[in-house]
PDB file of N, CA and C in Angstrom:
ATOM      1  N   MET A   1      -4.498  15.200   3.879  1.00  0.00           N
ATOM      2  CA  MET A   1      -4.605  13.865   3.369  1.00  0.00           C
ATOM      3  C   MET A   1      -6.090  13.546   3.075  1.00  0.00           C
ATOM      4  N   ILE A   2      -6.325  12.823   2.019  1.00  0.00           N
ATOM      5  CA  ILE A   2      -7.658  12.385   1.637  1.00  0.00           C
ATOM      6  C   ILE A   2      -7.680  10.849   1.693  1.00  0.00           C
ATOM      7  N   LEU A   3      -8.769  10.360   2.250  1.00  0.00           N
ATOM      8  CA  LEU A   3      -8.971   8.877   2.276  1.00  0.00           C
ATOM      9  C   LEU A   3     -10.065   8.497   1.305  1.00  0.00           C
ATOM     10  N   GLU A   4      -9.655   7.693   0.313  1.00  0.00           N
ATOM     11  CA  GLU A   4     -10.614   7.118  -0.661  1.00  0.00           C
ATOM     12  C   GLU A   4     -11.153   5.797  -0.076  1.00  0.00           C
ATOM     13  N   ALA A   5     -12.451   5.629  -0.111  1.00  0.00           N
ATOM     14  CA  ALA A   5     -13.039   4.396   0.392  1.00  0.00           C
ATOM     15  C   ALA A   5     -13.993   3.816  -0.637  1.00  0.00           C
ATOM     16  N   ALA A   6     -13.853   2.500  -0.883  1.00  0.00           N
ATOM     17  CA  ALA A   6     -14.715   1.841  -1.887  1.00  0.00           C
ATOM     18  C   ALA A   6     -15.086   0.476  -1.339  1.00  0.00           C
ATOM     19  N   MET A   7     -16.384   0.192  -1.271  1.00  0.00           N
ATOM     20  CA  MET A   7     -16.846  -1.133  -0.910  1.00  0.00           C
ATOM     21  C   MET A   7     -16.950  -1.946  -2.188  1.00  0.00           C
ATOM     22  N   LEU A   8     -16.177  -3.021  -2.271  1.00  0.00           N
ATOM     23  CA  LEU A   8     -16.147  -3.832  -3.468  1.00  0.00           C
ATOM     24  C   LEU A   8     -16.885  -5.157  -3.262  1.00  0.00           C
ATOM     25  N   HIS A   9     -17.894  -5.358  -4.090  1.00  0.00           N
ATOM     26  CA  HIS A   9     -18.689  -6.590  -4.053  1.00  0.00           C
ATOM     27  C   HIS A   9     -18.171  -7.452  -5.218  1.00  0.00           C
ATOM     28  N   ILE A  10     -17.551  -8.575  -4.881  1.00  0.00           N
ATOM     29  CA  ILE A  10     -16.967  -9.442  -5.906  1.00  0.00           C
ATOM     30  C   ILE A  10     -17.924 -10.550  -6.293  1.00  0.00           C
ATOM     31  N   LYS A  11     -17.993 -10.831  -7.581  1.00  0.00           N
ATOM     32  CA  LYS A  11     -18.907 -11.829  -8.095  1.00  0.00           C
ATOM     33  C   LYS A  11     -18.601 -13.229  -7.482  1.00  0.00           C
ATOM     34  N   GLN A  12     -19.650 -13.987  -7.309  1.00  0.00           N
ATOM     35  CA  GLN A  12     -19.541 -15.322  -6.712  1.00  0.00           C
ATOM     36  C   GLN A  12     -18.490 -16.155  -7.412  1.00  0.00           C
ATOM     37  N   GLY A  13     -17.668 -16.843  -6.577  1.00  0.00           N
ATOM     38  CA  GLY A  13     -16.648 -17.747  -7.117  1.00  0.00           C
ATOM     39  C   GLY A  13     -15.436 -17.079  -7.657  1.00  0.00           C
ATOM     40  N   MET A  14     -15.311 -15.767  -7.486  1.00  0.00           N
ATOM     41  CA  MET A  14     -14.206 -15.065  -8.099  1.00  0.00           C
ATOM     42  C   MET A  14     -13.234 -14.382  -7.073  1.00  0.00           C
ATOM     43  N   THR A  15     -13.426 -14.637  -5.803  1.00  0.00           N
ATOM     44  CA  THR A  15     -12.637 -13.926  -4.789  1.00  0.00           C
ATOM     45  C   THR A  15     -11.137 -14.290  -4.864  1.00  0.00           C
ATOM     46  N   GLU A  16     -10.815 -15.535  -5.091  1.00  0.00           N
ATOM     47  CA  GLU A  16      -9.434 -15.960  -5.145  1.00  0.00           C
ATOM     48  C   GLU A  16      -8.705 -15.270  -6.353  1.00  0.00           C
ATOM     49  N   ALA A  17      -9.365 -15.285  -7.498  1.00  0.00           N
ATOM     50  CA  ALA A  17      -8.803 -14.663  -8.698  1.00  0.00           C
ATOM     51  C   ALA A  17      -8.715 -13.130  -8.485  1.00  0.00           C
ATOM     52  N   PHE A  18      -9.703 -12.543  -7.847  1.00  0.00           N
ATOM     53  CA  PHE A  18      -9.694 -11.111  -7.547  1.00  0.00           C
ATOM     54  C   PHE A  18      -8.480 -10.778  -6.704  1.00  0.00           C
ATOM     55  N   GLU A  19      -8.240 -11.562  -5.625  1.00  0.00           N
ATOM     56  CA  GLU A  19      -7.129 -11.245  -4.753  1.00  0.00           C
ATOM     57  C   GLU A  19      -5.769 -11.347  -5.522  1.00  0.00           C
ATOM     58  N   GLU A  20      -5.650 -12.284  -6.364  1.00  0.00           N
ATOM     59  CA  GLU A  20      -4.398 -12.393  -7.141  1.00  0.00           C
ATOM     60  C   GLU A  20      -4.278 -11.214  -8.126  1.00  0.00           C
ATOM     61  N   SER A  21      -5.335 -10.841  -8.755  1.00  0.00           N
ATOM     62  CA  SER A  21      -5.320  -9.686  -9.672  1.00  0.00           C
ATOM     63  C   SER A  21      -5.036  -8.424  -8.894  1.00  0.00           C
ATOM     64  N   PHE A  22      -5.539  -8.285  -7.687  1.00  0.00           N
ATOM     65  CA  PHE A  22      -5.307  -7.102  -6.883  1.00  0.00           C
ATOM     66  C   PHE A  22      -3.825  -6.968  -6.539  1.00  0.00           C
ATOM     67  N   LYS A  23      -3.184  -8.095  -6.242  1.00  0.00           N
ATOM     68  CA  LYS A  23      -1.736  -8.053  -5.963  1.00  0.00           C
ATOM     69  C   LYS A  23      -0.946  -7.530  -7.143  1.00  0.00           C
ATOM     70  N   LYS A  24      -1.400  -7.893  -8.373  1.00  0.00           N
ATOM     71  CA  LYS A  24      -0.726  -7.427  -9.576  1.00  0.00           C
ATOM     72  C   LYS A  24      -1.037  -5.945  -9.849  1.00  0.00           C
ATOM     73  N   ALA A  25      -2.227  -5.500  -9.430  1.00  0.00           N
ATOM     74  CA  ALA A  25      -2.639  -4.126  -9.663  1.00  0.00           C
ATOM     75  C   ALA A  25      -2.042  -3.150  -8.650  1.00  0.00           C
ATOM     76  N   SER A  26      -1.707  -3.587  -7.486  1.00  0.00           N
ATOM     77  CA  SER A  26      -1.232  -2.704  -6.416  1.00  0.00           C
ATOM     78  C   SER A  26      -0.044  -1.820  -6.810  1.00  0.00           C
ATOM     79  N   PRO A  27       0.956  -2.338  -7.520  1.00  0.00           N
ATOM     80  CA  PRO A  27       2.085  -1.453  -7.927  1.00  0.00           C
ATOM     81  C   PRO A  27       1.646  -0.346  -8.899  1.00  0.00           C
ATOM     82  N   LEU A  28       0.556  -0.529  -9.572  1.00  0.00           N
ATOM     83  CA  LEU A  28       0.069   0.490 -10.537  1.00  0.00           C
ATOM     84  C   LEU A  28      -0.359   1.718  -9.761  1.00  0.00           C
ATOM     85  N   ILE A  29      -1.160   1.526  -8.712  1.00  0.00           N
ATOM     86  CA  ILE A  29      -1.670   2.656  -7.980  1.00  0.00           C
ATOM     87  C   ILE A  29      -0.596   3.303  -7.122  1.00  0.00           C
ATOM     88  N   SER A  30       0.313   2.502  -6.627  1.00  0.00           N
ATOM     89  CA  SER A  30       1.343   3.044  -5.772  1.00  0.00           C
ATOM     90  C   SER A  30       2.410   3.834  -6.515  1.00  0.00           C
ATOM     91  N   SER A  31       2.375   3.785  -7.860  1.00  0.00           N
ATOM     92  CA  SER A  31       3.378   4.559  -8.661  1.00  0.00           C
ATOM     93  C   SER A  31       2.890   5.967  -8.959  1.00  0.00           C
ATOM     94  N   ILE A  32       1.676   6.315  -8.530  1.00  0.00           N
ATOM     95  CA  ILE A  32       1.080   7.611  -8.870  1.00  0.00           C
ATOM     96  C   ILE A  32       1.535   8.687  -7.888  1.00  0.00           C
ATOM     97  N   GLU A  33       1.850   9.874  -8.427  1.00  0.00           N
ATOM     98  CA  GLU A  33       2.249  11.005  -7.613  1.00  0.00           C
ATOM     99  C   GLU A  33       1.105  11.315  -6.651  1.00  0.00           C
ATOM    100  N   GLY A  34       1.463  11.520  -5.391  1.00  0.00           N
ATOM    101  CA  GLY A  34       0.457  11.845  -4.385  1.00  0.00           C
ATOM    102  C   GLY A  34      -0.126  10.637  -3.615  1.00  0.00           C
ATOM    103  N   TYR A  35       0.218   9.464  -4.096  1.00  0.00           N
ATOM    104  CA  TYR A  35      -0.219   8.236  -3.397  1.00  0.00           C
ATOM    105  C   TYR A  35       0.516   8.105  -2.087  1.00  0.00           C
ATOM    106  N   LEU A  36      -0.225   7.793  -1.012  1.00  0.00           N
ATOM    107  CA  LEU A  36       0.369   7.703   0.335  1.00  0.00           C
ATOM    108  C   LEU A  36       0.264   6.270   0.904  1.00  0.00           C
ATOM    109  N   GLY A  37      -0.566   5.443   0.331  1.00  0.00           N
ATOM    110  CA  GLY A  37      -0.705   4.050   0.861  1.00  0.00           C
ATOM    111  C   GLY A  37      -2.122   3.512   0.620  1.00  0.00           C
ATOM    112  N   HIS A  38      -2.194   2.190   0.654  1.00  0.00           N
ATOM    113  CA  HIS A  38      -3.549   1.601   0.506  1.00  0.00           C
ATOM    114  C   HIS A  38      -3.601   0.247   1.272  1.00  0.00           C
ATOM    115  N   GLU A  39      -4.836  -0.158   1.480  1.00  0.00           N
ATOM    116  CA  GLU A  39      -5.038  -1.485   2.104  1.00  0.00           C
ATOM    117  C   GLU A  39      -6.361  -2.031   1.599  1.00  0.00           C
ATOM    118  N   LEU A  40      -6.422  -3.359   1.599  1.00  0.00           N
ATOM    119  CA  LEU A  40      -7.658  -4.082   1.202  1.00  0.00           C
ATOM    120  C   LEU A  40      -8.057  -4.993   2.344  1.00  0.00           C
ATOM    121  N   GLN A  41      -9.287  -4.820   2.799  1.00  0.00           N
ATOM    122  CA  GLN A  41      -9.821  -5.618   3.902  1.00  0.00           C
ATOM    123  C   GLN A  41     -10.925  -6.504   3.350  1.00  0.00           C
ATOM    124  N   LYS A  42     -10.969  -7.766   3.805  1.00  0.00           N
ATOM    125  CA  LYS A  42     -11.986  -8.724   3.393  1.00  0.00           C
ATOM    126  C   LYS A  42     -13.029  -8.860   4.495  1.00  0.00           C
ATOM    127  N   GLY A  43     -14.307  -8.889   4.099  1.00  0.00           N
ATOM    128  CA  GLY A  43     -15.396  -8.978   4.985  1.00  0.00           C
ATOM    129  C   GLY A  43     -15.422 -10.304   5.763  1.00  0.00           C
ATOM    130  N   LEU A  44     -15.776 -10.258   7.026  1.00  0.00           N
ATOM    131  CA  LEU A  44     -15.936 -11.447   7.802  1.00  0.00           C
ATOM    132  C   LEU A  44     -17.355 -12.046   7.645  1.00  0.00           C
ATOM    133  N   GLU A  45     -18.351 -11.196   7.617  1.00  0.00           N
ATOM    134  CA  GLU A  45     -19.710 -11.692   7.481  1.00  0.00           C
ATOM    135  C   GLU A  45     -20.025 -12.096   6.034  1.00  0.00           C
ATOM    136  N   ASP A  46     -19.403 -11.436   5.087  1.00  0.00           N
ATOM    137  CA  ASP A  46     -19.629 -11.733   3.648  1.00  0.00           C
ATOM    138  C   ASP A  46     -18.291 -11.761   2.976  1.00  0.00           C
ATOM    139  N   ASP A  47     -17.827 -12.952   2.670  1.00  0.00           N
ATOM    140  CA  ASP A  47     -16.474 -13.112   2.078  1.00  0.00           C
ATOM    141  C   ASP A  47     -16.358 -12.698   0.636  1.00  0.00           C
ATOM    142  N   HIS A  48     -17.401 -12.130   0.058  1.00  0.00           N
ATOM    143  CA  HIS A  48     -17.343 -11.538  -1.283  1.00  0.00           C
ATOM    144  C   HIS A  48     -17.347 -10.038  -1.247  1.00  0.00           C
ATOM    145  N   LYS A  49     -17.202  -9.491  -0.010  1.00  0.00           N
ATOM    146  CA  LYS A  49     -17.170  -8.038   0.166  1.00  0.00           C
ATOM    147  C   LYS A  49     -15.816  -7.630   0.686  1.00  0.00           C
ATOM    148  N   TYR A  50     -15.263  -6.606   0.050  1.00  0.00           N
ATOM    149  CA  TYR A  50     -13.925  -6.045   0.393  1.00  0.00           C
ATOM    150  C   TYR A  50     -14.027  -4.580   0.575  1.00  0.00           C
ATOM    151  N   LEU A  51     -13.235  -4.019   1.449  1.00  0.00           N
ATOM    152  CA  LEU A  51     -13.121  -2.588   1.623  1.00  0.00           C
ATOM    153  C   LEU A  51     -11.760  -2.167   1.167  1.00  0.00           C
ATOM    154  N   LEU A  52     -11.760  -1.259   0.178  1.00  0.00           N
ATOM    155  CA  LEU A  52     -10.478  -0.702  -0.304  1.00  0.00           C
ATOM    156  C   LEU A  52     -10.343   0.709   0.274  1.00  0.00           C
ATOM    157  N   LEU A  53      -9.231   0.929   0.919  1.00  0.00           N
ATOM    158  CA  LEU A  53      -8.895   2.251   1.463  1.00  0.00           C
ATOM    159  C   LEU A  53      -7.582   2.726   0.857  1.00  0.00           C
ATOM    160  N   VAL A  54      -7.614   3.933   0.271  1.00  0.00           N
ATOM    161  CA  VAL A  54      -6.425   4.477  -0.374  1.00  0.00           C
ATOM    162  C   VAL A  54      -6.216   5.878   0.236  1.00  0.00           C
ATOM    163  N   ARG A  55      -5.012   6.154   0.625  1.00  0.00           N
ATOM    164  CA  ARG A  55      -4.657   7.474   1.133  1.00  0.00           C
ATOM    165  C   ARG A  55      -3.953   8.263   0.068  1.00  0.00           C
ATOM    166  N   TRP A  56      -4.445   9.489  -0.188  1.00  0.00           N
ATOM    167  CA  TRP A  56      -3.897  10.378  -1.175  1.00  0.00           C
ATOM    168  C   TRP A  56      -3.506  11.707  -0.532  1.00  0.00           C
ATOM    169  N   ARG A  57      -2.518  12.383  -1.127  1.00  0.00           N
ATOM    170  CA  ARG A  57      -2.113  13.688  -0.633  1.00  0.00           C
ATOM    171  C   ARG A  57      -3.285  14.705  -0.757  1.00  0.00           C
ATOM    172  N   ASN A  58      -3.960  14.693  -1.928  1.00  0.00           N
ATOM    173  CA  ASN A  58      -5.146  15.495  -2.144  1.00  0.00           C
ATOM    174  C   ASN A  58      -6.105  14.810  -3.117  1.00  0.00           C
ATOM    175  N   LEU A  59      -7.286  15.368  -3.237  1.00  0.00           N
ATOM    176  CA  LEU A  59      -8.315  14.746  -4.061  1.00  0.00           C
ATOM    177  C   LEU A  59      -7.892  14.619  -5.518  1.00  0.00           C
ATOM    178  N   GLU A  60      -7.246  15.638  -6.057  1.00  0.00           N
ATOM    179  CA  GLU A  60      -6.893  15.613  -7.476  1.00  0.00           C
ATOM    180  C   GLU A  60      -5.858  14.529  -7.790  1.00  0.00           C
ATOM    181  N   ASP A  61      -5.034  14.152  -6.822  1.00  0.00           N
ATOM    182  CA  ASP A  61      -4.086  13.042  -7.073  1.00  0.00           C
ATOM    183  C   ASP A  61      -4.812  11.742  -7.424  1.00  0.00           C
ATOM    184  N   HIS A  62      -6.021  11.584  -6.908  1.00  0.00           N
ATOM    185  CA  HIS A  62      -6.802  10.411  -7.248  1.00  0.00           C
ATOM    186  C   HIS A  62      -7.670  10.678  -8.474  1.00  0.00           C
ATOM    187  N   THR A  63      -8.459  11.745  -8.437  1.00  0.00           N
ATOM    188  CA  THR A  63      -9.456  11.966  -9.491  1.00  0.00           C
ATOM    189  C   THR A  63      -8.851  12.369 -10.833  1.00  0.00           C
ATOM    190  N   VAL A  64      -7.661  13.005 -10.815  1.00  0.00           N
ATOM    191  CA  VAL A  64      -7.016  13.378 -12.067  1.00  0.00           C
ATOM    192  C   VAL A  64      -5.776  12.547 -12.267  1.00  0.00           C
ATOM    193  N   GLY A  65      -4.869  12.606 -11.281  1.00  0.00           N
ATOM    194  CA  GLY A  65      -3.578  11.967 -11.413  1.00  0.00           C
ATOM    195  C   GLY A  65      -3.668  10.432 -11.722  1.00  0.00           C
ATOM    196  N   PHE A  66      -4.546   9.760 -10.955  1.00  0.00           N
ATOM    197  CA  PHE A  66      -4.690   8.305 -11.143  1.00  0.00           C
ATOM    198  C   PHE A  66      -5.686   8.005 -12.249  1.00  0.00           C
ATOM    199  N   ARG A  67      -6.871   8.603 -12.152  1.00  0.00           N
ATOM    200  CA  ARG A  67      -7.955   8.257 -13.056  1.00  0.00           C
ATOM    201  C   ARG A  67      -7.714   8.630 -14.503  1.00  0.00           C
ATOM    202  N   GLU A  68      -6.760   9.542 -14.742  1.00  0.00           N
ATOM    203  CA  GLU A  68      -6.436   9.925 -16.136  1.00  0.00           C
ATOM    204  C   GLU A  68      -5.086   9.363 -16.573  1.00  0.00           C
ATOM    205  N   SER A  69      -4.593   8.396 -15.839  1.00  0.00           N
ATOM    206  CA  SER A  69      -3.283   7.790 -16.160  1.00  0.00           C
ATOM    207  C   SER A  69      -3.412   6.496 -16.934  1.00  0.00           C
ATOM    208  N   THR A  70      -2.273   6.080 -17.553  1.00  0.00           N
ATOM    209  CA  THR A  70      -2.201   4.806 -18.222  1.00  0.00           C
ATOM    210  C   THR A  70      -2.269   3.663 -17.185  1.00  0.00           C
ATOM    211  N   GLN A  71      -1.795   3.937 -15.961  1.00  0.00           N
ATOM    212  CA  GLN A  71      -1.864   2.942 -14.898  1.00  0.00           C
ATOM    213  C   GLN A  71      -3.292   2.577 -14.570  1.00  0.00           C
ATOM    214  N   TYR A  72      -4.173   3.575 -14.646  1.00  0.00           N
ATOM    215  CA  TYR A  72      -5.560   3.368 -14.367  1.00  0.00           C
ATOM    216  C   TYR A  72      -6.201   2.456 -15.410  1.00  0.00           C
ATOM    217  N   LEU A  73      -5.828   2.603 -16.662  1.00  0.00           N
ATOM    218  CA  LEU A  73      -6.340   1.728 -17.698  1.00  0.00           C
ATOM    219  C   LEU A  73      -5.959   0.275 -17.421  1.00  0.00           C
ATOM    220  N   GLU A  74      -4.727   0.052 -16.975  1.00  0.00           N
ATOM    221  CA  GLU A  74      -4.287  -1.281 -16.603  1.00  0.00           C
ATOM    222  C   GLU A  74      -5.039  -1.798 -15.365  1.00  0.00           C
ATOM    223  N   TRP A  75      -5.231  -0.912 -14.352  1.00  0.00           N
ATOM    224  CA  TRP A  75      -5.987  -1.231 -13.159  1.00  0.00           C
ATOM    225  C   TRP A  75      -7.414  -1.718 -13.529  1.00  0.00           C
ATOM    226  N   LYS A  76      -8.052  -0.951 -14.420  1.00  0.00           N
ATOM    227  CA  LYS A  76      -9.409  -1.305 -14.830  1.00  0.00           C
ATOM    228  C   LYS A  76      -9.415  -2.668 -15.527  1.00  0.00           C
ATOM    229  N   ALA A  77      -8.469  -2.915 -16.401  1.00  0.00           N
ATOM    230  CA  ALA A  77      -8.424  -4.201 -17.131  1.00  0.00           C
ATOM    231  C   ALA A  77      -8.231  -5.348 -16.149  1.00  0.00           C
ATOM    232  N   LEU A  78      -7.437  -5.135 -15.104  1.00  0.00           N
ATOM    233  CA  LEU A  78      -7.175  -6.200 -14.123  1.00  0.00           C
ATOM    234  C   LEU A  78      -8.326  -6.438 -13.189  1.00  0.00           C
ATOM    235  N   LEU A  79      -9.086  -5.402 -12.802  1.00  0.00           N
ATOM    236  CA  LEU A  79      -9.993  -5.550 -11.660  1.00  0.00           C
ATOM    237  C   LEU A  79     -11.483  -5.293 -11.957  1.00  0.00           C
ATOM    238  N   HIS A  80     -11.845  -4.425 -12.873  1.00  0.00           N
ATOM    239  CA  HIS A  80     -13.238  -4.006 -12.940  1.00  0.00           C
ATOM    240  C   HIS A  80     -14.185  -5.127 -13.327  1.00  0.00           C
ATOM    241  N   HIS A  81     -13.746  -6.150 -13.949  1.00  0.00           N
ATOM    242  CA  HIS A  81     -14.679  -7.230 -14.340  1.00  0.00           C
ATOM    243  C   HIS A  81     -15.101  -8.098 -13.128  1.00  0.00           C
ATOM    244  N   TYR A  82     -14.501  -7.913 -11.980  1.00  0.00           N
ATOM    245  CA  TYR A  82     -14.817  -8.702 -10.779  1.00  0.00           C
ATOM    246  C   TYR A  82     -16.024  -8.097 -10.029  1.00  0.00           C
ATOM    247  N   TYR A  83     -16.337  -6.843 -10.254  1.00  0.00           N
ATOM    248  CA  TYR A  83     -17.285  -6.152  -9.404  1.00  0.00           C
ATOM    249  C   TYR A  83     -18.746  -6.319  -9.907  1.00  0.00           C
ATOM    250  N   SER A  84     -19.660  -6.536  -8.926  1.00  0.00           N
ATOM    251  CA  SER A  84     -21.073  -6.514  -9.214  1.00  0.00           C
ATOM    252  C   SER A  84     -21.835  -6.237  -7.908  1.00  0.00           C
ATOM    253  N   PRO A  85     -22.373  -5.068  -7.815  1.00  0.00           N
ATOM    254  CA  PRO A  85     -22.424  -3.925  -8.752  1.00  0.00           C
ATOM    255  C   PRO A  85     -21.081  -3.192  -8.740  1.00  0.00           C
ATOM    256  N   PHE A  86     -20.970  -2.226  -9.657  1.00  0.00           N
ATOM    257  CA  PHE A  86     -19.790  -1.409  -9.709  1.00  0.00           C
ATOM    258  C   PHE A  86     -19.753  -0.570  -8.412  1.00  0.00           C
ATOM    259  N   PRO A  87     -18.577  -0.477  -7.794  1.00  0.00           N
ATOM    260  CA  PRO A  87     -18.486   0.229  -6.487  1.00  0.00           C
ATOM    261  C   PRO A  87     -18.710   1.730  -6.612  1.00  0.00           C
ATOM    262  N   VAL A  88     -19.260   2.276  -5.512  1.00  0.00           N
ATOM    263  CA  VAL A  88     -19.299   3.701  -5.307  1.00  0.00           C
ATOM    264  C   VAL A  88     -18.023   4.089  -4.547  1.00  0.00           C
ATOM    265  N   VAL A  89     -17.310   5.043  -5.049  1.00  0.00           N
ATOM    266  CA  VAL A  89     -16.062   5.507  -4.424  1.00  0.00           C
ATOM    267  C   VAL A  89     -16.335   6.867  -3.763  1.00  0.00           C
ATOM    268  N   GLU A  90     -15.954   6.968  -2.488  1.00  0.00           N
ATOM    269  CA  GLU A  90     -16.160   8.193  -1.761  1.00  0.00           C
ATOM    270  C   GLU A  90     -14.837   8.647  -1.139  1.00  0.00           C
ATOM    271  N   HIS A  91     -14.765   9.942  -0.875  1.00  0.00           N
ATOM    272  CA  HIS A  91     -13.543  10.521  -0.307  1.00  0.00           C
ATOM    273  C   HIS A  91     -13.822  11.182   1.012  1.00  0.00           C
ATOM    274  N   PHE A  92     -12.870  11.062   1.958  1.00  0.00           N
ATOM    275  CA  PHE A  92     -13.042  11.553   3.326  1.00  0.00           C
ATOM    276  C   PHE A  92     -11.799  12.337   3.737  1.00  0.00           C
ATOM    277  N   THR A  93     -11.993  13.225   4.664  1.00  0.00           N
ATOM    278  CA  THR A  93     -10.864  13.940   5.240  1.00  0.00           C
ATOM    279  C   THR A  93     -10.976  13.834   6.801  1.00  0.00           C
ATOM    280  N   ARG A  94      -9.856  13.784   7.393  1.00  0.00           N
ATOM    281  CA  ARG A  94      -9.786  13.625   8.868  1.00  0.00           C
ATOM    282  C   ARG A  94     -10.265  14.850   9.612  1.00  0.00           C
ATOM    283  N   ILE A  95     -10.984  14.655  10.632  1.00  0.00           N
ATOM    284  CA  ILE A  95     -11.408  15.756  11.515  1.00  0.00           C
ATOM    285  C   ILE A  95     -10.464  15.791  12.703  1.00  0.00           C
ATOM    286  N   LYS A  96      -9.923  16.962  12.988  1.00  0.00           N
ATOM    287  CA  LYS A  96      -9.039  17.143  14.117  1.00  0.00           C
ATOM    288  C   LYS A  96      -9.876  17.164  15.397  1.00  0.00           C
ATOM    289  N   LEU A  97      -9.632  16.241  16.284  1.00  0.00           N
ATOM    290  CA  LEU A  97     -10.388  16.110  17.514  1.00  0.00           C
ATOM    291  C   LEU A  97      -9.784  16.920  18.662  1.00  0.00           C
ATOM    292  N   ILE A  98      -8.527  17.227  18.539  1.00  0.00           N
ATOM    293  CA  ILE A  98      -7.867  18.014  19.647  1.00  0.00           C
ATOM    294  C   ILE A  98      -7.165  19.243  19.030  1.00  0.00           C
TER     295      ILE A  98
END
């Protein structure tokens, strides 16, 4: 499993609209092959900062399967205009501790 993490900085005065748009965008990402789940967390210290976590079966399910899909074009149209600056997206894998 791969964990995608993105810190989203939302423009001033746009958090309510962003949350509504995110609800509309969520079914787009969840329809992609290899998608395992996602969550959006809102910052307590800064209410314009959100953490997006998406679980994927493998890296290519995100970087190719989603990013090269028509669903991604819709996702971009719904969400990308809220970000400032544009988020850095990183991928992580779990370390087995036992």
